[in-house]
Amino acid sequence: MAKKRSFNLLSFVAWLTGVIVSLAVGFALYGGTLSVPYLNKVPYLVEGAGVVVIITTILGVILALIDALK
């Protein structure tokens, strides 16, 4: 028997807030607005981390939407 899903507004708001914060951090790392101490000494490491955060966040949103539509 499949589990019945219920819509919880508070959980959705928390998830959406996490997505927005993750994208903000990813774009700030990529754009150079946000830096990470001791990692700035390696060229392009912080920018690469920003790209990874952006890609994994978008992938997580896509997978969550696919799971919600099941």
PDB file of N, CA and C in Angstrom:
ATOM      1  N   MET A   1       0.843  -1.171   0.000  1.00  0.00           N
ATOM      2  CA  MET A   1       0.000   0.000   0.000  1.00  0.00           C
ATOM      3  C   MET A   1       0.892   1.239   0.000  1.00  0.00           C
ATOM      4  N   ALA A   2       0.609   2.171  -0.849  1.00  0.00           N
ATOM      5  CA  ALA A   2       1.406   3.396  -0.941  1.00  0.00           C
ATOM      6  C   ALA A   2       1.111   4.312   0.236  1.00  0.00           C
ATOM      7  N   LYS A   3       2.138   5.052   0.627  1.00  0.00           N
ATOM      8  CA  LYS A   3       1.952   6.001   1.721  1.00  0.00           C
ATOM      9  C   LYS A   3       1.147   7.190   1.225  1.00  0.00           C
ATOM     10  N   LYS A   4       0.237   7.647   2.062  1.00  0.00           N
ATOM     11  CA  LYS A   4      -0.532   8.834   1.723  1.00  0.00           C
ATOM     12  C   LYS A   4       0.289  10.054   2.108  1.00  0.00           C
ATOM     13  N   ARG A   5       0.429  10.985   1.162  1.00  0.00           N
ATOM     14  CA  ARG A   5       1.201  12.190   1.415  1.00  0.00           C
ATOM     15  C   ARG A   5       0.256  13.315   1.784  1.00  0.00           C
ATOM     16  N   SER A   6       0.676  14.077   2.766  1.00  0.00           N
ATOM     17  CA  SER A   6      -0.101  15.257   3.129  1.00  0.00           C
ATOM     18  C   SER A   6       0.773  16.490   2.929  1.00  0.00           C
ATOM     19  N   PHE A   7       0.148  17.564   2.544  1.00  0.00           N
ATOM     20  CA  PHE A   7       0.872  18.804   2.309  1.00  0.00           C
ATOM     21  C   PHE A   7       1.042  19.526   3.630  1.00  0.00           C
ATOM     22  N   ASN A   8       2.291  19.780   3.985  1.00  0.00           N
ATOM     23  CA  ASN A   8       2.585  20.498   5.214  1.00  0.00           C
ATOM     24  C   ASN A   8       3.220  21.827   4.818  1.00  0.00           C
ATOM     25  N   LEU A   9       2.503  22.908   5.063  1.00  0.00           N
ATOM     26  CA  LEU A   9       2.960  24.225   4.639  1.00  0.00           C
ATOM     27  C   LEU A   9       4.270  24.607   5.307  1.00  0.00           C
ATOM     28  N   LEU A  10       4.426  24.301   6.581  1.00  0.00           N
ATOM     29  CA  LEU A  10       5.649  24.653   7.290  1.00  0.00           C
ATOM     30  C   LEU A  10       6.863  23.915   6.720  1.00  0.00           C
ATOM     31  N   SER A  11       6.690  22.663   6.386  1.00  0.00           N
ATOM     32  CA  SER A  11       7.793  21.903   5.778  1.00  0.00           C
ATOM     33  C   SER A  11       8.153  22.464   4.413  1.00  0.00           C
ATOM     34  N   PHE A  12       7.145  22.855   3.643  1.00  0.00           N
ATOM     35  CA  PHE A  12       7.409  23.437   2.328  1.00  0.00           C
ATOM     36  C   PHE A  12       8.150  24.761   2.447  1.00  0.00           C
ATOM     37  N   VAL A  13       7.749  25.595   3.392  1.00  0.00           N
ATOM     38  CA  VAL A  13       8.418  26.881   3.585  1.00  0.00           C
ATOM     39  C   VAL A  13       9.868  26.665   4.015  1.00  0.00           C
ATOM     40  N   ALA A  14      10.109  25.703   4.886  1.00  0.00           N
ATOM     41  CA  ALA A  14      11.477  25.404   5.315  1.00  0.00           C
ATOM     42  C   ALA A  14      12.307  24.886   4.140  1.00  0.00           C
ATOM     43  N   TRP A  15      11.727  24.022   3.312  1.00  0.00           N
ATOM     44  CA  TRP A  15      12.444  23.501   2.138  1.00  0.00           C
ATOM     45  C   TRP A  15      12.754  24.623   1.157  1.00  0.00           C
ATOM     46  N   LEU A  16      11.765  25.483   0.888  1.00  0.00           N
ATOM     47  CA  LEU A  16      11.965  26.576  -0.044  1.00  0.00           C
ATOM     48  C   LEU A  16      13.012  27.561   0.469  1.00  0.00           C
ATOM     49  N   THR A  17      13.009  27.813   1.763  1.00  0.00           N
ATOM     50  CA  THR A  17      14.023  28.688   2.355  1.00  0.00           C
ATOM     51  C   THR A  17      15.417  28.093   2.181  1.00  0.00           C
ATOM     52  N   GLY A  18      15.542  26.802   2.367  1.00  0.00           N
ATOM     53  CA  GLY A  18      16.825  26.135   2.163  1.00  0.00           C
ATOM     54  C   GLY A  18      17.306  26.232   0.731  1.00  0.00           C
ATOM     55  N   VAL A  19      16.393  26.087  -0.209  1.00  0.00           N
ATOM     56  CA  VAL A  19      16.752  26.202  -1.630  1.00  0.00           C
ATOM     57  C   VAL A  19      17.231  27.613  -1.934  1.00  0.00           C
ATOM     58  N   ILE A  20      16.500  28.613  -1.451  1.00  0.00           N
ATOM     59  CA  ILE A  20      16.875  30.007  -1.716  1.00  0.00           C
ATOM     60  C   ILE A  20      18.230  30.338  -1.090  1.00  0.00           C
ATOM     61  N   VAL A  21      18.453  29.900   0.133  1.00  0.00           N
ATOM     62  CA  VAL A  21      19.728  30.171   0.803  1.00  0.00           C
ATOM     63  C   VAL A  21      20.869  29.449   0.088  1.00  0.00           C
ATOM     64  N   SER A  22      20.641  28.212  -0.324  1.00  0.00           N
ATOM     65  CA  SER A  22      21.686  27.469  -1.039  1.00  0.00           C
ATOM     66  C   SER A  22      22.057  28.150  -2.346  1.00  0.00           C
ATOM     67  N   LEU A  23      21.052  28.604  -3.077  1.00  0.00           N
ATOM     68  CA  LEU A  23      21.346  29.301  -4.329  1.00  0.00           C
ATOM     69  C   LEU A  23      22.060  30.622  -4.074  1.00  0.00           C
ATOM     70  N   ALA A  24      21.661  31.335  -3.027  1.00  0.00           N
ATOM     71  CA  ALA A  24      22.325  32.604  -2.703  1.00  0.00           C
ATOM     72  C   ALA A  24      23.791  32.377  -2.354  1.00  0.00           C
ATOM     73  N   VAL A  25      24.064  31.357  -1.568  1.00  0.00           N
ATOM     74  CA  VAL A  25      25.450  31.044  -1.194  1.00  0.00           C
ATOM     75  C   VAL A  25      26.236  30.590  -2.422  1.00  0.00           C
ATOM     76  N   GLY A  26      25.642  29.740  -3.243  1.00  0.00           N
ATOM     77  CA  GLY A  26      26.330  29.257  -4.433  1.00  0.00           C
ATOM     78  C   GLY A  26      26.688  30.380  -5.385  1.00  0.00           C
ATOM     79  N   PHE A  27      25.734  31.276  -5.643  1.00  0.00           N
ATOM     80  CA  PHE A  27      26.020  32.386  -6.549  1.00  0.00           C
ATOM     81  C   PHE A  27      27.001  33.378  -5.934  1.00  0.00           C
ATOM     82  N   ALA A  28      26.960  33.546  -4.611  1.00  0.00           N
ATOM     83  CA  ALA A  28      27.919  34.442  -3.958  1.00  0.00           C
ATOM     84  C   ALA A  28      29.333  33.862  -4.012  1.00  0.00           C
ATOM     85  N   LEU A  29      29.463  32.560  -3.830  1.00  0.00           N
ATOM     86  CA  LEU A  29      30.776  31.924  -3.964  1.00  0.00           C
ATOM     87  C   LEU A  29      31.288  32.044  -5.388  1.00  0.00           C
ATOM     88  N   TYR A  30      30.415  31.786  -6.335  1.00  0.00           N
ATOM     89  CA  TYR A  30      30.822  31.832  -7.740  1.00  0.00           C
ATOM     90  C   TYR A  30      31.173  33.251  -8.175  1.00  0.00           C
ATOM     91  N   GLY A  31      30.419  34.224  -7.699  1.00  0.00           N
ATOM     92  CA  GLY A  31      30.641  35.605  -8.109  1.00  0.00           C
ATOM     93  C   GLY A  31      31.754  36.312  -7.363  1.00  0.00           C
ATOM     94  N   GLY A  32      32.254  35.718  -6.306  1.00  0.00           N
ATOM     95  CA  GLY A  32      33.346  36.321  -5.558  1.00  0.00           C
ATOM     96  C   GLY A  32      32.911  37.213  -4.415  1.00  0.00           C
ATOM     97  N   THR A  33      31.607  37.333  -4.190  1.00  0.00           N
ATOM     98  CA  THR A  33      31.106  38.142  -3.080  1.00  0.00           C
ATOM     99  C   THR A  33      31.403  37.484  -1.746  1.00  0.00           C
ATOM    100  N   LEU A  34      31.319  36.163  -1.705  1.00  0.00           N
ATOM    101  CA  LEU A  34      31.558  35.389  -0.489  1.00  0.00           C
ATOM    102  C   LEU A  34      32.869  34.633  -0.652  1.00  0.00           C
ATOM    103  N   SER A  35      33.686  34.655   0.376  1.00  0.00           N
ATOM    104  CA  SER A  35      34.947  33.928   0.309  1.00  0.00           C
ATOM    105  C   SER A  35      35.066  32.996   1.506  1.00  0.00           C
ATOM    106  N   VAL A  36      35.904  32.011   1.368  1.00  0.00           N
ATOM    107  CA  VAL A  36      36.141  31.033   2.430  1.00  0.00           C
ATOM    108  C   VAL A  36      37.599  31.159   2.854  1.00  0.00           C
ATOM    109  N   PRO A  37      37.842  31.484   4.121  1.00  0.00           N
ATOM    110  CA  PRO A  37      39.239  31.616   4.568  1.00  0.00           C
ATOM    111  C   PRO A  37      40.035  30.332   4.302  1.00  0.00           C
ATOM    112  N   TYR A  38      41.269  30.496   3.981  1.00  0.00           N
ATOM    113  CA  TYR A  38      42.240  29.429   3.713  1.00  0.00           C
ATOM    114  C   TYR A  38      41.990  28.711   2.386  1.00  0.00           C
ATOM    115  N   LEU A  39      40.804  28.815   1.799  1.00  0.00           N
ATOM    116  CA  LEU A  39      40.562  28.200   0.497  1.00  0.00           C
ATOM    117  C   LEU A  39      40.813  29.178  -0.638  1.00  0.00           C
ATOM    118  N   ASN A  40      40.899  30.466  -0.314  1.00  0.00           N
ATOM    119  CA  ASN A  40      41.139  31.472  -1.345  1.00  0.00           C
ATOM    120  C   ASN A  40      42.533  31.384  -1.925  1.00  0.00           C
ATOM    121  N   LYS A  41      43.422  30.656  -1.274  1.00  0.00           N
ATOM    122  CA  LYS A  41      44.799  30.539  -1.759  1.00  0.00           C
ATOM    123  C   LYS A  41      44.900  29.613  -2.961  1.00  0.00           C
ATOM    124  N   VAL A  42      43.901  28.760  -3.148  1.00  0.00           N
ATOM    125  CA  VAL A  42      43.891  27.852  -4.294  1.00  0.00           C
ATOM    126  C   VAL A  42      43.025  28.493  -5.378  1.00  0.00           C
ATOM    127  N   PRO A  43      43.617  28.780  -6.523  1.00  0.00           N
ATOM    128  CA  PRO A  43      42.850  29.459  -7.576  1.00  0.00           C
ATOM    129  C   PRO A  43      41.623  28.654  -8.017  1.00  0.00           C
ATOM    130  N   TYR A  44      40.515  29.328  -8.141  1.00  0.00           N
ATOM    131  CA  TYR A  44      39.260  28.789  -8.656  1.00  0.00           C
ATOM    132  C   TYR A  44      38.607  27.733  -7.774  1.00  0.00           C
ATOM    133  N   LEU A  45      39.126  27.467  -6.594  1.00  0.00           N
ATOM    134  CA  LEU A  45      38.514  26.462  -5.724  1.00  0.00           C
ATOM    135  C   LEU A  45      37.186  26.955  -5.167  1.00  0.00           C
ATOM    136  N   VAL A  46      37.131  28.202  -4.727  1.00  0.00           N
ATOM    137  CA  VAL A  46      35.899  28.749  -4.166  1.00  0.00           C
ATOM    138  C   VAL A  46      34.842  28.881  -5.256  1.00  0.00           C
ATOM    139  N   GLU A  47      35.247  29.332  -6.450  1.00  0.00           N
ATOM    140  CA  GLU A  47      34.294  29.439  -7.556  1.00  0.00           C
ATOM    141  C   GLU A  47      33.759  28.060  -7.937  1.00  0.00           C
ATOM    142  N   GLY A  48      34.627  27.074  -7.937  1.00  0.00           N
ATOM    143  CA  GLY A  48      34.202  25.700  -8.231  1.00  0.00           C
ATOM    144  C   GLY A  48      33.237  25.164  -7.197  1.00  0.00           C
ATOM    145  N   ALA A  49      33.479  25.501  -5.937  1.00  0.00           N
ATOM    146  CA  ALA A  49      32.553  25.088  -4.884  1.00  0.00           C
ATOM    147  C   ALA A  49      31.188  25.741  -5.089  1.00  0.00           C
ATOM    148  N   GLY A  50      31.189  26.987  -5.534  1.00  0.00           N
ATOM    149  CA  GLY A  50      29.932  27.667  -5.822  1.00  0.00           C
ATOM    150  C   GLY A  50      29.153  26.982  -6.934  1.00  0.00           C
ATOM    151  N   VAL A  51      29.861  26.572  -7.964  1.00  0.00           N
ATOM    152  CA  VAL A  51      29.210  25.864  -9.076  1.00  0.00           C
ATOM    153  C   VAL A  51      28.631  24.545  -8.588  1.00  0.00           C
ATOM    154  N   VAL A  52      29.364  23.835  -7.748  1.00  0.00           N
ATOM    155  CA  VAL A  52      28.874  22.562  -7.211  1.00  0.00           C
ATOM    156  C   VAL A  52      27.610  22.785  -6.380  1.00  0.00           C
ATOM    157  N   VAL A  53      27.594  23.832  -5.561  1.00  0.00           N
ATOM    158  CA  VAL A  53      26.415  24.127  -4.740  1.00  0.00           C
ATOM    159  C   VAL A  53      25.217  24.452  -5.628  1.00  0.00           C
ATOM    160  N   ILE A  54      25.427  25.243  -6.661  1.00  0.00           N
ATOM    161  CA  ILE A  54      24.328  25.616  -7.554  1.00  0.00           C
ATOM    162  C   ILE A  54      23.777  24.385  -8.275  1.00  0.00           C
ATOM    163  N   ILE A  55      24.653  23.562  -8.821  1.00  0.00           N
ATOM    164  CA  ILE A  55      24.214  22.387  -9.579  1.00  0.00           C
ATOM    165  C   ILE A  55      23.494  21.390  -8.683  1.00  0.00           C
ATOM    166  N   THR A  56      24.042  21.120  -7.500  1.00  0.00           N
ATOM    167  CA  THR A  56      23.388  20.152  -6.618  1.00  0.00           C
ATOM    168  C   THR A  56      22.056  20.669  -6.077  1.00  0.00           C
ATOM    169  N   THR A  57      21.947  21.978  -5.879  1.00  0.00           N
ATOM    170  CA  THR A  57      20.673  22.537  -5.433  1.00  0.00           C
ATOM    171  C   THR A  57      19.615  22.402  -6.513  1.00  0.00           C
ATOM    172  N   ILE A  58      19.973  22.743  -7.743  1.00  0.00           N
ATOM    173  CA  ILE A  58      19.016  22.613  -8.850  1.00  0.00           C
ATOM    174  C   ILE A  58      18.644  21.150  -9.069  1.00  0.00           C
ATOM    175  N   LEU A  59      19.618  20.256  -8.981  1.00  0.00           N
ATOM    176  CA  LEU A  59      19.339  18.829  -9.108  1.00  0.00           C
ATOM    177  C   LEU A  59      18.408  18.354  -7.994  1.00  0.00           C
ATOM    178  N   GLY A  60      18.625  18.831  -6.777  1.00  0.00           N
ATOM    179  CA  GLY A  60      17.756  18.472  -5.661  1.00  0.00           C
ATOM    180  C   GLY A  60      16.328  18.950  -5.856  1.00  0.00           C
ATOM    181  N   VAL A  61      16.171  20.140  -6.404  1.00  0.00           N
ATOM    182  CA  VAL A  61      14.824  20.665  -6.687  1.00  0.00           C
ATOM    183  C   VAL A  61      14.139  19.808  -7.744  1.00  0.00           C
ATOM    184  N   ILE A  62      14.850  19.456  -8.791  1.00  0.00           N
ATOM    185  CA  ILE A  62      14.281  18.626  -9.853  1.00  0.00           C
ATOM    186  C   ILE A  62      13.867  17.261  -9.303  1.00  0.00           C
ATOM    187  N   LEU A  63      14.727  16.649  -8.510  1.00  0.00           N
ATOM    188  CA  LEU A  63      14.400  15.346  -7.933  1.00  0.00           C
ATOM    189  C   LEU A  63      13.228  15.431  -6.964  1.00  0.00           C
ATOM    190  N   ALA A  64      13.136  16.519  -6.198  1.00  0.00           N
ATOM    191  CA  ALA A  64      12.006  16.697  -5.287  1.00  0.00           C
ATOM    192  C   ALA A  64      10.702  16.861  -6.053  1.00  0.00           C
ATOM    193  N   LEU A  65      10.747  17.581  -7.172  1.00  0.00           N
ATOM    194  CA  LEU A  65       9.548  17.745  -7.985  1.00  0.00           C
ATOM    195  C   LEU A  65       9.132  16.413  -8.619  1.00  0.00           C
ATOM    196  N   ILE A  66      10.094  15.652  -9.083  1.00  0.00           N
ATOM    197  CA  ILE A  66       9.775  14.336  -9.653  1.00  0.00           C
ATOM    198  C   ILE A  66       9.159  13.433  -8.590  1.00  0.00           C
ATOM    199  N   ASP A  67       9.719  13.462  -7.381  1.00  0.00           N
ATOM    200  CA  ASP A  67       9.197  12.642  -6.291  1.00  0.00           C
ATOM    201  C   ASP A  67       7.801  13.087  -5.889  1.00  0.00           C
ATOM    202  N   ALA A  68       7.539  14.397  -5.922  1.00  0.00           N
ATOM    203  CA  ALA A  68       6.218  14.904  -5.535  1.00  0.00           C
ATOM    204  C   ALA A  68       5.154  14.548  -6.563  1.00  0.00           C
ATOM    205  N   LEU A  69       5.543  14.360  -7.811  1.00  0.00           N
ATOM    206  CA  LEU A  69       4.578  14.069  -8.853  1.00  0.00           C
ATOM    207  C   LEU A  69       4.264  12.571  -8.976  1.00  0.00           C
ATOM    208  N   LYS A  70       4.948  11.748  -8.212  1.00  0.00           N
ATOM    209  CA  LYS A  70       4.686  10.302  -8.255  1.00  0.00           C
ATOM    210  C   LYS A  70       3.318   9.990  -7.701  1.00  0.00           C
TER     211      LYS A  70
END
